[in-house]
N, C-alpha and C. Protein backbone atom coordinates (compact mmCIF):
# COMPACT_ATOMS: atom_id res chain seq x y z
N MET A 1 38.22 60.62 -87.54
CA MET A 1 36.61 60.15 -87.75
C MET A 1 35.88 59.12 -87.51
N LYS A 2 36.59 58.39 -88.35
CA LYS A 2 36.71 56.63 -88.75
C LYS A 2 36.11 56.50 -87.06
N LYS A 3 36.85 56.41 -86.14
CA LYS A 3 36.73 56.46 -84.74
C LYS A 3 35.66 56.68 -84.16
N PHE A 4 35.32 58.26 -84.26
CA PHE A 4 34.29 58.90 -83.75
C PHE A 4 33.20 58.12 -84.26
N LEU A 5 33.29 58.00 -85.31
CA LEU A 5 31.72 57.12 -85.96
C LEU A 5 31.64 55.65 -85.50
N PHE A 6 32.57 54.67 -85.53
CA PHE A 6 32.69 53.32 -84.71
C PHE A 6 32.10 53.44 -83.39
N ILE A 7 32.32 54.67 -82.59
CA ILE A 7 32.31 54.66 -81.17
C ILE A 7 30.75 54.97 -80.92
N LEU A 8 30.04 55.96 -82.29
CA LEU A 8 28.74 56.87 -81.94
C LEU A 8 28.29 55.54 -82.47
N MET A 9 28.48 54.19 -83.26
CA MET A 9 27.54 53.48 -83.72
C MET A 9 27.83 52.54 -82.84
N PHE A 10 28.70 52.48 -81.97
CA PHE A 10 28.76 51.10 -80.71
C PHE A 10 27.79 51.71 -79.39
N LEU A 11 27.47 53.28 -79.42
CA LEU A 11 26.66 53.75 -78.49
C LEU A 11 25.17 53.56 -78.77
N LEU A 12 24.89 53.58 -79.86
CA LEU A 12 23.58 53.34 -80.60
C LEU A 12 22.90 52.28 -80.32
N ALA A 13 23.93 51.11 -80.78
CA ALA A 13 23.76 50.14 -80.68
C ALA A 13 23.70 49.61 -79.17
N PHE A 14 24.64 50.00 -78.29
CA PHE A 14 24.71 49.57 -76.90
C PHE A 14 23.37 50.21 -75.90
N LEU A 15 22.71 50.83 -76.83
CA LEU A 15 21.12 52.27 -76.71
C LEU A 15 20.31 51.58 -76.58
N GLY A 16 20.25 50.92 -77.84
CA GLY A 16 19.15 50.14 -78.50
C GLY A 16 19.19 48.67 -77.78
N PHE A 17 19.73 48.21 -77.53
CA PHE A 17 19.94 46.45 -76.45
C PHE A 17 19.67 47.04 -75.31
N VAL A 18 19.73 48.39 -74.35
CA VAL A 18 19.84 48.20 -73.06
C VAL A 18 18.49 48.59 -73.10
N THR A 19 17.38 49.80 -74.24
CA THR A 19 16.20 50.17 -74.12
C THR A 19 15.35 49.11 -74.27
N ASN A 20 15.56 47.69 -75.54
CA ASN A 20 14.76 46.90 -75.70
C ASN A 20 14.45 46.14 -74.29
N SER A 21 16.07 45.61 -73.11
CA SER A 21 16.02 44.62 -72.63
C SER A 21 15.02 45.81 -71.49
N PHE A 22 14.69 46.82 -71.06
CA PHE A 22 14.38 47.08 -70.17
C PHE A 22 13.00 47.42 -70.92
N ALA A 23 12.36 47.33 -72.13
CA ALA A 23 11.05 47.68 -71.79
C ALA A 23 10.37 45.96 -72.36
N GLY A 24 11.37 44.95 -71.53
CA GLY A 24 10.55 43.62 -71.84
C GLY A 24 10.80 43.25 -72.96
N GLY A 25 11.65 43.23 -73.96
CA GLY A 25 11.47 43.20 -75.45
C GLY A 25 11.88 41.13 -75.56
N GLY A 26 11.24 41.06 -76.58
CA GLY A 26 11.60 39.15 -76.18
C GLY A 26 10.55 38.26 -76.27
N SER A 27 10.07 38.00 -77.10
CA SER A 27 9.36 37.22 -76.14
C SER A 27 9.05 35.50 -75.61
N ASP A 28 10.53 35.33 -76.02
CA ASP A 28 10.84 34.36 -75.01
C ASP A 28 11.98 34.00 -73.67
N SER A 29 11.77 35.12 -73.12
CA SER A 29 12.08 35.79 -71.98
C SER A 29 11.88 34.77 -71.12
N GLY A 30 10.24 33.90 -70.86
CA GLY A 30 10.48 32.69 -70.19
C GLY A 30 9.70 33.16 -69.14
N SER A 31 9.06 34.66 -68.92
CA SER A 31 8.71 35.02 -67.80
C SER A 31 6.80 34.47 -68.10
N THR A 32 6.43 34.14 -67.24
CA THR A 32 4.99 33.97 -66.96
C THR A 32 4.12 34.83 -67.25
N ALA A 33 4.56 35.95 -66.73
CA ALA A 33 3.53 37.21 -66.23
C ALA A 33 3.07 37.80 -67.67
N ALA A 34 2.00 37.83 -67.76
CA ALA A 34 0.97 38.36 -68.51
C ALA A 34 0.95 40.00 -68.85
N PRO A 35 0.86 40.44 -70.63
CA PRO A 35 0.71 41.91 -70.48
C PRO A 35 -0.36 42.32 -69.71
N ALA A 36 -0.05 43.86 -69.32
CA ALA A 36 -1.38 44.43 -68.95
C ALA A 36 -2.37 44.30 -69.73
N GLY A 37 -3.70 43.83 -68.66
CA GLY A 37 -4.96 43.78 -69.31
C GLY A 37 -5.07 42.33 -70.32
N SER A 38 -4.46 41.45 -69.97
CA SER A 38 -4.97 39.87 -70.59
C SER A 38 -4.63 39.22 -69.40
N GLN A 39 -4.75 38.23 -70.02
CA GLN A 39 -5.51 37.18 -69.09
C GLN A 39 -4.31 35.73 -69.46
N ILE A 40 -3.72 35.18 -68.20
CA ILE A 40 -3.22 34.07 -68.27
C ILE A 40 -4.19 32.52 -68.40
N LEU A 41 -4.21 31.93 -69.67
CA LEU A 41 -4.92 31.14 -69.61
C LEU A 41 -4.56 29.80 -68.85
N GLY A 42 -5.11 28.85 -68.76
CA GLY A 42 -4.80 27.48 -68.37
C GLY A 42 -5.56 26.77 -68.71
N MET A 43 -5.35 25.27 -68.74
CA MET A 43 -5.80 23.89 -69.45
C MET A 43 -7.34 24.25 -69.42
N TYR A 44 -8.05 23.71 -70.80
CA TYR A 44 -9.45 24.20 -71.58
C TYR A 44 -9.56 25.38 -71.35
N ASP A 45 -8.68 26.58 -71.84
CA ASP A 45 -8.37 28.08 -71.86
C ASP A 45 -9.46 28.54 -70.26
N ILE A 46 -9.13 27.87 -69.12
CA ILE A 46 -10.10 28.77 -67.96
C ILE A 46 -9.05 29.32 -67.99
N PRO A 47 -8.98 31.01 -67.62
CA PRO A 47 -8.10 32.42 -67.23
C PRO A 47 -8.15 31.63 -65.05
N MET A 48 -6.64 32.36 -65.46
CA MET A 48 -6.34 31.84 -63.93
C MET A 48 -6.45 32.86 -62.71
N PRO A 49 -7.46 32.38 -61.91
CA PRO A 49 -8.16 33.12 -60.84
C PRO A 49 -6.70 34.20 -59.67
N GLU A 50 -7.55 35.15 -59.84
CA GLU A 50 -6.77 36.14 -58.53
C GLU A 50 -6.03 35.71 -57.41
N TRP A 51 -6.34 34.19 -57.26
CA TRP A 51 -6.72 33.58 -55.78
C TRP A 51 -5.05 32.99 -55.92
N VAL A 52 -4.52 32.68 -57.22
CA VAL A 52 -3.65 31.53 -57.15
C VAL A 52 -2.32 32.60 -56.75
N HIS A 53 -1.92 34.06 -57.07
CA HIS A 53 -1.15 34.98 -56.48
C HIS A 53 -1.38 35.52 -55.58
N ILE A 54 -2.73 35.65 -55.04
CA ILE A 54 -2.49 36.72 -54.23
C ILE A 54 -4.07 35.70 -53.01
N VAL A 55 -3.37 35.60 -51.94
CA VAL A 55 -3.98 34.91 -51.37
C VAL A 55 -5.55 35.59 -50.72
N PRO A 56 -6.99 35.09 -50.75
CA PRO A 56 -7.62 35.66 -49.88
C PRO A 56 -7.53 36.08 -48.39
N ARG A 57 -7.94 37.68 -48.40
CA ARG A 57 -7.55 37.77 -46.46
C ARG A 57 -8.45 37.08 -46.00
N GLU A 58 -7.78 36.75 -44.86
CA GLU A 58 -8.64 35.83 -43.48
C GLU A 58 -9.99 36.66 -42.99
N THR A 59 -10.59 36.47 -43.00
CA THR A 59 -12.40 36.97 -42.26
C THR A 59 -12.37 36.63 -40.79
N GLY A 60 -13.54 36.75 -40.38
CA GLY A 60 -13.50 36.57 -38.85
C GLY A 60 -14.06 35.00 -39.04
N GLU A 61 -14.77 34.76 -39.89
CA GLU A 61 -15.15 33.16 -39.76
C GLU A 61 -14.52 32.22 -40.56
N THR A 62 -13.41 32.80 -41.80
CA THR A 62 -12.48 31.69 -42.85
C THR A 62 -11.62 32.33 -42.61
N MET A 63 -10.35 31.04 -42.93
CA MET A 63 -9.35 30.88 -43.30
C MET A 63 -8.75 30.67 -44.72
N PHE A 64 -7.85 31.44 -45.23
CA PHE A 64 -7.64 30.61 -46.65
C PHE A 64 -6.49 30.06 -46.71
N PHE A 65 -5.96 28.93 -47.37
CA PHE A 65 -4.64 28.61 -47.90
C PHE A 65 -4.63 28.23 -49.68
N VAL A 66 -4.06 28.64 -49.96
CA VAL A 66 -3.78 28.35 -51.40
C VAL A 66 -2.45 27.39 -51.63
N VAL A 67 -2.43 26.07 -52.27
CA VAL A 67 -1.50 25.07 -52.14
C VAL A 67 -1.41 25.07 -53.99
N THR A 68 0.05 23.98 -54.22
CA THR A 68 -0.28 23.44 -55.31
C THR A 68 0.28 22.28 -55.36
N GLY A 69 -0.74 21.41 -56.31
CA GLY A 69 -0.44 20.34 -56.06
C GLY A 69 0.62 19.18 -56.88
N GLY A 70 1.52 20.44 -56.94
CA GLY A 70 2.44 20.08 -58.61
C GLY A 70 2.05 19.87 -59.74
N SER A 71 2.56 19.09 -61.12
CA SER A 71 2.71 19.22 -62.14
C SER A 71 3.07 17.84 -62.45
N ASP A 72 3.26 16.54 -61.35
CA ASP A 72 3.48 15.50 -62.11
C ASP A 72 2.23 14.51 -61.62
N GLY A 73 2.14 13.95 -62.84
CA GLY A 73 1.05 12.61 -62.25
C GLY A 73 -0.41 12.86 -62.75
N SER A 74 -1.17 12.19 -62.05
CA SER A 74 -2.44 12.14 -62.75
C SER A 74 -3.24 13.96 -62.17
N THR A 75 -4.28 13.62 -62.49
CA THR A 75 -4.81 15.26 -61.64
C THR A 75 -5.68 14.72 -60.63
N ALA A 76 -6.22 13.27 -60.16
CA ALA A 76 -6.33 12.86 -58.24
C ALA A 76 -5.06 12.99 -57.63
N ARG A 77 -3.78 12.31 -58.24
CA ARG A 77 -2.41 12.82 -57.57
C ARG A 77 -2.21 13.96 -57.10
N LYS A 78 -2.66 14.89 -58.17
CA LYS A 78 -2.31 16.20 -57.76
C LYS A 78 -3.38 16.47 -57.19
N GLU A 79 -4.58 16.25 -57.07
CA GLU A 79 -5.44 17.15 -56.10
C GLU A 79 -5.45 16.25 -53.95
N THR A 80 -5.03 14.97 -54.54
CA THR A 80 -4.21 14.28 -52.77
C THR A 80 -3.04 15.48 -52.91
N ASN A 81 -2.10 15.21 -53.33
CA ASN A 81 -1.16 15.98 -52.70
C ASN A 81 -1.35 17.34 -52.56
N ALA A 82 -1.93 18.43 -53.08
CA ALA A 82 -2.62 19.37 -52.87
C ALA A 82 -3.25 19.16 -51.35
N ALA A 83 -4.78 18.08 -51.21
CA ALA A 83 -5.09 18.55 -50.10
C ALA A 83 -4.17 17.45 -48.73
N SER A 84 -2.76 17.17 -49.08
CA SER A 84 -2.25 16.88 -48.49
C SER A 84 -1.56 18.35 -47.22
N ARG A 85 -1.02 19.45 -48.52
CA ARG A 85 -0.35 20.09 -48.12
C ARG A 85 -1.35 21.26 -47.73
N SER A 86 -2.80 21.24 -47.74
CA SER A 86 -3.47 22.17 -46.99
C SER A 86 -3.89 21.90 -45.63
N ARG A 87 -3.36 20.60 -45.58
CA ARG A 87 -3.48 19.86 -43.74
C ARG A 87 -2.69 20.00 -43.17
N SER A 88 -1.34 20.46 -43.79
CA SER A 88 -0.34 21.26 -43.11
C SER A 88 -0.07 22.16 -43.00
N GLU A 89 -0.68 23.04 -43.81
CA GLU A 89 -0.69 24.73 -43.59
C GLU A 89 -2.31 24.90 -42.68
N HIS A 90 -2.75 23.93 -42.36
CA HIS A 90 -3.79 24.29 -41.40
C HIS A 90 -3.47 24.03 -39.78
N SER A 91 -2.30 22.70 -40.07
CA SER A 91 -2.30 22.32 -38.67
C SER A 91 -0.89 23.25 -38.01
N GLN A 92 -0.48 24.19 -38.85
CA GLN A 92 0.62 25.36 -38.94
C GLN A 92 -0.08 26.24 -37.90
N TYR A 93 -1.22 26.71 -39.24
CA TYR A 93 -2.37 27.63 -38.47
C TYR A 93 -2.86 27.23 -36.99
N ILE A 94 -3.15 26.49 -37.04
CA ILE A 94 -3.97 25.80 -35.19
C ILE A 94 -2.75 26.07 -34.23
N SER A 95 -1.51 25.34 -35.12
CA SER A 95 -0.05 25.83 -33.76
C SER A 95 0.08 27.33 -33.54
N GLY A 96 -0.16 28.20 -34.71
CA GLY A 96 0.32 29.63 -34.06
C GLY A 96 -0.84 30.19 -33.44
N LYS A 97 -1.92 30.02 -33.52
CA LYS A 97 -3.18 30.55 -33.24
C LYS A 97 -3.34 29.95 -31.90
N THR A 98 -2.94 28.99 -31.61
CA THR A 98 -3.16 28.49 -29.76
C THR A 98 -1.69 28.89 -29.41
N ASP A 99 -0.81 29.04 -29.72
CA ASP A 99 0.48 29.47 -29.29
C ASP A 99 0.22 31.22 -28.91
N VAL A 100 -0.47 31.66 -29.68
CA VAL A 100 -0.71 32.89 -29.49
C VAL A 100 -1.83 33.27 -28.52
N LEU A 101 -2.86 32.68 -28.39
CA LEU A 101 -4.30 32.50 -27.17
C LEU A 101 -3.53 32.06 -26.06
N ILE A 102 -2.66 30.88 -25.98
CA ILE A 102 -1.93 30.61 -24.61
C ILE A 102 -1.30 31.60 -23.86
N ARG A 103 -0.52 32.31 -24.70
CA ARG A 103 0.48 33.40 -24.65
C ARG A 103 -0.21 34.65 -24.07
N ASN A 104 -1.81 34.58 -24.52
CA ASN A 104 -1.92 36.15 -24.24
C ASN A 104 -2.81 35.80 -23.33
N TYR A 105 -3.44 34.88 -22.81
CA TYR A 105 -4.54 34.07 -22.05
C TYR A 105 -3.36 34.40 -20.66
N ALA A 106 -2.62 33.65 -20.52
CA ALA A 106 -1.88 33.27 -19.57
C ALA A 106 -0.90 35.30 -18.90
N GLU A 107 -0.82 35.80 -19.63
CA GLU A 107 -0.60 37.59 -19.74
C GLU A 107 -1.46 38.26 -18.80
N LEU A 108 -2.90 37.99 -19.40
CA LEU A 108 -4.15 38.45 -19.45
C LEU A 108 -4.38 38.52 -17.93
N SER A 109 -4.40 36.64 -17.68
CA SER A 109 -5.31 35.87 -16.66
C SER A 109 -4.16 36.09 -15.18
N GLY A 110 -2.80 36.63 -15.66
CA GLY A 110 -1.92 36.23 -14.73
C GLY A 110 -1.39 34.74 -13.79
N ILE A 111 -1.69 33.60 -14.68
CA ILE A 111 -1.19 32.03 -14.27
C ILE A 111 0.00 32.14 -14.79
N VAL A 112 1.13 32.70 -15.15
CA VAL A 112 2.11 32.64 -15.98
C VAL A 112 3.02 31.44 -15.22
N GLY A 113 2.69 31.43 -13.86
CA GLY A 113 3.05 30.64 -13.08
C GLY A 113 3.11 29.01 -13.40
N ASN A 114 1.51 28.73 -14.18
CA ASN A 114 0.95 27.27 -14.07
C ASN A 114 1.11 26.89 -15.57
N THR A 115 2.93 27.12 -16.16
CA THR A 115 3.34 26.57 -17.19
C THR A 115 3.00 25.16 -17.63
N GLN A 116 3.15 24.39 -16.45
CA GLN A 116 3.17 22.64 -17.24
C GLN A 116 1.67 22.52 -17.63
N GLU A 117 0.60 23.30 -16.62
CA GLU A 117 -0.57 23.24 -17.18
C GLU A 117 -1.20 23.57 -18.11
N LEU A 118 -0.55 24.67 -18.60
CA LEU A 118 -0.50 25.67 -20.09
C LEU A 118 -0.28 24.86 -20.78
N ILE A 119 0.87 24.32 -20.66
CA ILE A 119 1.49 23.36 -21.59
C ILE A 119 0.68 22.06 -22.38
N ASP A 120 -0.06 21.41 -21.63
CA ASP A 120 -0.69 20.53 -21.37
C ASP A 120 -2.14 20.78 -22.20
N LEU A 121 -2.61 22.15 -21.77
CA LEU A 121 -3.89 22.54 -22.12
C LEU A 121 -3.55 22.88 -24.01
N ARG A 122 -1.90 23.31 -23.96
CA ARG A 122 -1.45 24.15 -25.48
C ARG A 122 -1.93 22.65 -26.49
N GLU A 123 -0.93 21.43 -25.72
CA GLU A 123 -1.00 20.26 -26.99
C GLU A 123 -2.40 20.06 -27.23
N GLY A 124 -3.08 19.81 -26.05
CA GLY A 124 -4.83 18.79 -26.16
C GLY A 124 -5.37 20.02 -26.70
N ILE A 125 -5.07 21.40 -27.32
CA ILE A 125 -6.24 22.24 -28.07
C ILE A 125 -5.87 21.45 -29.76
N ILE A 126 -3.89 21.82 -29.55
CA ILE A 126 -3.22 21.25 -30.91
C ILE A 126 -3.86 19.96 -31.53
N ASN A 127 -3.62 19.30 -30.72
CA ASN A 127 -3.87 17.38 -30.96
C ASN A 127 -5.26 17.82 -31.42
N ARG A 128 -6.31 18.25 -30.73
CA ARG A 128 -7.85 17.67 -31.28
C ARG A 128 -8.49 18.74 -32.76
N ALA A 129 -7.85 19.95 -32.31
CA ALA A 129 -8.08 20.69 -33.71
C ALA A 129 -7.40 20.42 -35.14
N SER A 130 -5.68 19.93 -34.37
CA SER A 130 -5.30 19.74 -35.94
C SER A 130 -6.02 18.08 -36.72
N GLY A 131 -5.79 17.93 -35.18
CA GLY A 131 -6.80 15.72 -36.06
C GLY A 131 -8.46 16.59 -36.75
N ASN A 132 -8.77 17.20 -36.04
CA ASN A 132 -10.41 17.58 -36.95
C ASN A 132 -9.85 18.38 -37.99
N SER A 133 -10.21 17.63 -39.24
CA SER A 133 -9.75 18.70 -40.65
C SER A 133 -11.34 18.90 -41.54
N SER A 134 -12.26 18.55 -40.02
CA SER A 134 -13.81 18.93 -40.92
C SER A 134 -14.26 20.03 -41.52
N GLY A 135 -13.46 21.21 -40.84
CA GLY A 135 -13.95 22.47 -41.35
C GLY A 135 -12.55 23.03 -42.45
N LEU A 136 -11.79 21.82 -42.76
CA LEU A 136 -11.19 22.59 -44.05
C LEU A 136 -11.74 21.96 -45.32
N ARG A 137 -12.18 22.74 -46.34
CA ARG A 137 -12.10 21.93 -47.76
C ARG A 137 -11.79 22.84 -49.10
N ARG A 138 -12.01 22.08 -49.39
CA ARG A 138 -11.51 22.87 -51.18
C ARG A 138 -12.49 23.80 -51.66
N SER A 139 -12.52 24.79 -51.69
CA SER A 139 -13.77 25.39 -52.88
C SER A 139 -13.35 25.88 -53.79
N GLU A 140 -11.91 25.74 -54.61
CA GLU A 140 -11.86 26.04 -55.81
C GLU A 140 -10.40 25.44 -56.25
N HIS A 141 -10.43 25.08 -57.81
CA HIS A 141 -9.28 24.58 -57.89
C HIS A 141 -8.54 25.11 -59.71
N TRP A 142 -7.42 25.19 -59.80
CA TRP A 142 -7.20 25.80 -61.45
C TRP A 142 -5.70 24.76 -61.95
N ILE A 143 -5.97 24.46 -62.77
CA ILE A 143 -4.92 24.39 -63.84
C ILE A 143 -4.60 24.66 -64.86
N SER A 144 -2.83 24.81 -64.35
CA SER A 144 -2.52 25.73 -65.73
C SER A 144 -1.84 25.30 -66.79
N ALA A 145 -0.93 25.90 -68.37
CA ALA A 145 -1.71 25.24 -69.19
C ALA A 145 -0.27 24.14 -69.12
N ASP A 146 0.52 24.11 -68.26
CA ASP A 146 1.80 22.96 -67.87
C ASP A 146 1.45 21.85 -67.21
N GLY A 147 0.02 22.16 -66.70
CA GLY A 147 -0.58 21.14 -65.88
C GLY A 147 -0.18 21.04 -64.50
N GLU A 148 0.11 22.73 -63.84
CA GLU A 148 0.55 22.56 -62.60
C GLU A 148 -0.99 22.67 -61.67
N TYR A 149 -1.33 21.85 -60.29
CA TYR A 149 -2.23 21.96 -60.17
C TYR A 149 -2.74 22.55 -58.81
N TRP A 150 -3.59 23.83 -58.56
CA TRP A 150 -3.75 24.67 -57.94
C TRP A 150 -4.57 24.70 -56.84
N GLY A 151 -4.81 24.93 -55.40
CA GLY A 151 -6.19 24.35 -55.05
C GLY A 151 -6.32 25.51 -53.84
N LEU A 152 -7.69 26.28 -53.55
CA LEU A 152 -8.21 27.11 -52.76
C LEU A 152 -8.72 26.61 -51.39
N PHE A 153 -8.25 26.66 -50.56
CA PHE A 153 -8.96 25.35 -49.17
C PHE A 153 -9.35 26.81 -48.32
N THR A 154 -10.43 26.55 -48.08
CA THR A 154 -11.26 27.50 -46.91
C THR A 154 -11.32 26.51 -45.22
N TYR A 155 -10.98 27.62 -44.65
CA TYR A 155 -11.55 26.49 -42.99
C TYR A 155 -12.01 27.32 -42.48
N ASP A 156 -13.40 26.81 -41.88
CA ASP A 156 -14.04 27.49 -41.15
C ASP A 156 -13.90 27.78 -39.14
N LYS A 157 -13.78 28.71 -38.97
CA LYS A 157 -13.13 28.93 -38.04
C LYS A 157 -13.96 28.16 -36.41
N ALA A 158 -15.22 28.29 -37.03
CA ALA A 158 -16.15 27.48 -35.93
C ALA A 158 -15.81 26.37 -35.68
N SER A 159 -15.17 25.40 -36.54
CA SER A 159 -14.44 24.21 -36.21
C SER A 159 -14.04 24.21 -35.03
N PHE A 160 -12.97 25.21 -35.15
CA PHE A 160 -11.72 25.43 -34.67
C PHE A 160 -12.13 25.85 -33.28
N LYS A 161 -12.99 26.84 -33.42
CA LYS A 161 -13.45 27.31 -31.74
C LYS A 161 -14.41 26.45 -31.15
N SER A 162 -15.13 25.54 -31.85
CA SER A 162 -15.70 24.48 -31.30
C SER A 162 -14.30 23.40 -30.87
N ASP A 163 -13.77 22.88 -31.29
CA ASP A 163 -12.59 22.00 -30.74
C ASP A 163 -11.88 22.77 -29.74
N ILE A 164 -11.45 24.12 -29.81
CA ILE A 164 -10.78 24.90 -28.14
C ILE A 164 -11.98 24.72 -27.74
N THR A 165 -13.32 24.97 -27.31
CA THR A 165 -13.73 25.26 -26.41
C THR A 165 -14.26 23.49 -25.52
N ASN A 166 -14.59 22.74 -26.29
CA ASN A 166 -14.36 21.22 -26.16
C ASN A 166 -13.46 20.79 -25.37
N GLU A 167 -12.06 21.11 -25.72
CA GLU A 167 -11.01 20.95 -25.30
C GLU A 167 -10.80 21.56 -23.81
N VAL A 168 -11.37 22.90 -23.80
CA VAL A 168 -11.26 23.62 -22.44
C VAL A 168 -11.87 23.21 -21.37
N ASN A 169 -13.54 22.70 -21.87
CA ASN A 169 -13.95 22.22 -20.78
C ASN A 169 -13.92 21.03 -20.42
N SER A 170 -13.04 19.87 -21.45
CA SER A 170 -12.78 18.58 -20.98
C SER A 170 -11.76 18.72 -19.57
N TYR A 171 -10.79 19.56 -20.30
CA TYR A 171 -9.39 20.38 -19.60
C TYR A 171 -9.60 20.66 -17.96
N ILE A 172 -10.79 20.99 -18.33
CA ILE A 172 -11.24 21.74 -16.52
C ILE A 172 -12.42 20.94 -16.14
N ARG A 173 -12.83 19.57 -16.29
CA ARG A 173 -13.78 18.76 -15.61
C ARG A 173 -12.53 17.61 -15.04
N ASN A 174 -11.43 17.60 -15.39
CA ASN A 174 -10.54 16.79 -15.27
C ASN A 174 -9.98 17.15 -13.89
N SER A 175 -9.81 16.45 -12.87
CA SER A 175 -9.89 17.04 -11.47
C SER A 175 -8.11 16.63 -11.18
N ALA A 176 -6.74 16.23 -12.13
CA ALA A 176 -5.74 15.68 -12.21
C ALA A 176 -5.38 17.64 -12.86
N ALA A 177 -6.30 18.43 -13.48
CA ALA A 177 -5.43 19.59 -13.57
C ALA A 177 -6.56 20.58 -12.92
N ALA A 178 -7.44 20.40 -12.15
CA ALA A 178 -7.80 21.25 -11.37
C ALA A 178 -7.29 22.32 -10.76
N ALA A 179 -5.58 21.98 -10.40
CA ALA A 179 -4.79 23.26 -10.00
C ALA A 179 -4.46 24.27 -11.00
N ALA A 180 -4.73 24.17 -12.51
CA ALA A 180 -4.98 25.00 -13.34
C ALA A 180 -5.28 26.44 -13.33
N SER A 181 -6.15 26.03 -12.86
CA SER A 181 -7.28 27.41 -12.36
C SER A 181 -7.67 28.25 -13.65
N ILE A 182 -7.79 27.20 -14.67
CA ILE A 182 -8.17 27.91 -15.78
C ILE A 182 -10.18 28.74 -16.13
N ARG A 183 -10.19 29.72 -16.12
CA ARG A 183 -11.11 30.27 -16.35
C ARG A 183 -11.40 30.61 -17.65
N ALA A 184 -12.62 29.55 -18.11
CA ALA A 184 -12.81 29.21 -19.19
C ALA A 184 -13.49 30.52 -19.81
N ASP A 185 -14.11 31.68 -19.11
CA ASP A 185 -14.96 32.70 -19.68
C ASP A 185 -14.23 33.51 -20.89
N GLU A 186 -13.26 34.21 -19.79
CA GLU A 186 -11.79 34.71 -20.16
C GLU A 186 -11.31 33.81 -21.18
N PHE A 187 -11.04 32.68 -21.06
CA PHE A 187 -9.87 32.08 -22.37
C PHE A 187 -11.29 32.05 -23.63
N PHE A 188 -12.36 32.10 -23.33
CA PHE A 188 -12.71 31.91 -24.42
C PHE A 188 -12.97 33.37 -25.08
N GLN A 189 -13.07 34.27 -24.28
CA GLN A 189 -12.96 35.61 -25.02
C GLN A 189 -11.63 35.99 -25.43
N GLU A 190 -10.88 35.85 -24.79
CA GLU A 190 -9.23 35.94 -25.79
C GLU A 190 -9.44 35.29 -27.24
N MET A 191 -10.29 33.66 -27.32
CA MET A 191 -9.84 33.31 -28.28
C MET A 191 -10.94 33.97 -28.77
N GLU A 192 -11.93 34.86 -28.69
CA GLU A 192 -12.56 35.60 -30.18
C GLU A 192 -11.50 36.61 -30.65
N ARG A 193 -10.62 37.11 -29.98
CA ARG A 193 -9.97 38.20 -30.04
C ARG A 193 -8.71 37.71 -31.00
N VAL A 194 -8.16 36.49 -30.68
CA VAL A 194 -6.90 35.78 -30.87
C VAL A 194 -7.38 35.11 -32.35
N LEU A 195 -8.94 34.84 -32.76
CA LEU A 195 -9.24 34.68 -34.03
C LEU A 195 -10.07 35.08 -35.44
N GLN A 196 -9.96 36.97 -34.63
CA GLN A 196 -10.02 37.96 -35.89
C GLN A 196 -8.53 38.18 -36.16
N PRO A 197 -9.50 38.76 -37.65
CA PRO A 197 -8.40 38.60 -38.82
C PRO A 197 -7.35 39.91 -38.14
């Protein structure tokens, strides 16, 4: 009988432990998630914006980047770190979209054989657009209670389209690239398709 009571008590204690663990019991679990219906407050009691964990969707005109500037150093240093990281993400975006644009254009226009010319054009677009960060801006920022800096940066695709247009036009005017046979109208139509979300 004592053995049965001991086993029963052990099972009840174990069941209580498991139930408490799955229910999220204990306030020192280390999780930063807030209970449903409450907000995480940052520095100066400013609520955490949704964009910190859910990046806004790309639109036909704008691309969004969410970056952290870290939690070490002054606010100015964190802002500088975030701006640097946003430029890095901007460059990756430029490179990825340009690769898709060149590949799609080559397939649609049937000039796959002119690979060196297309590679040169690709490099020109990436260099021009990555070097021009005028369309990249910090639109919002938030600092967590422990000092981590978060920035929401926007990139105006009109700036990217302008860089592509300028590079293609200067490339076509270059007599050394005459063999490329780049058809600007088709290229720009494909650009519009590629830059849609």
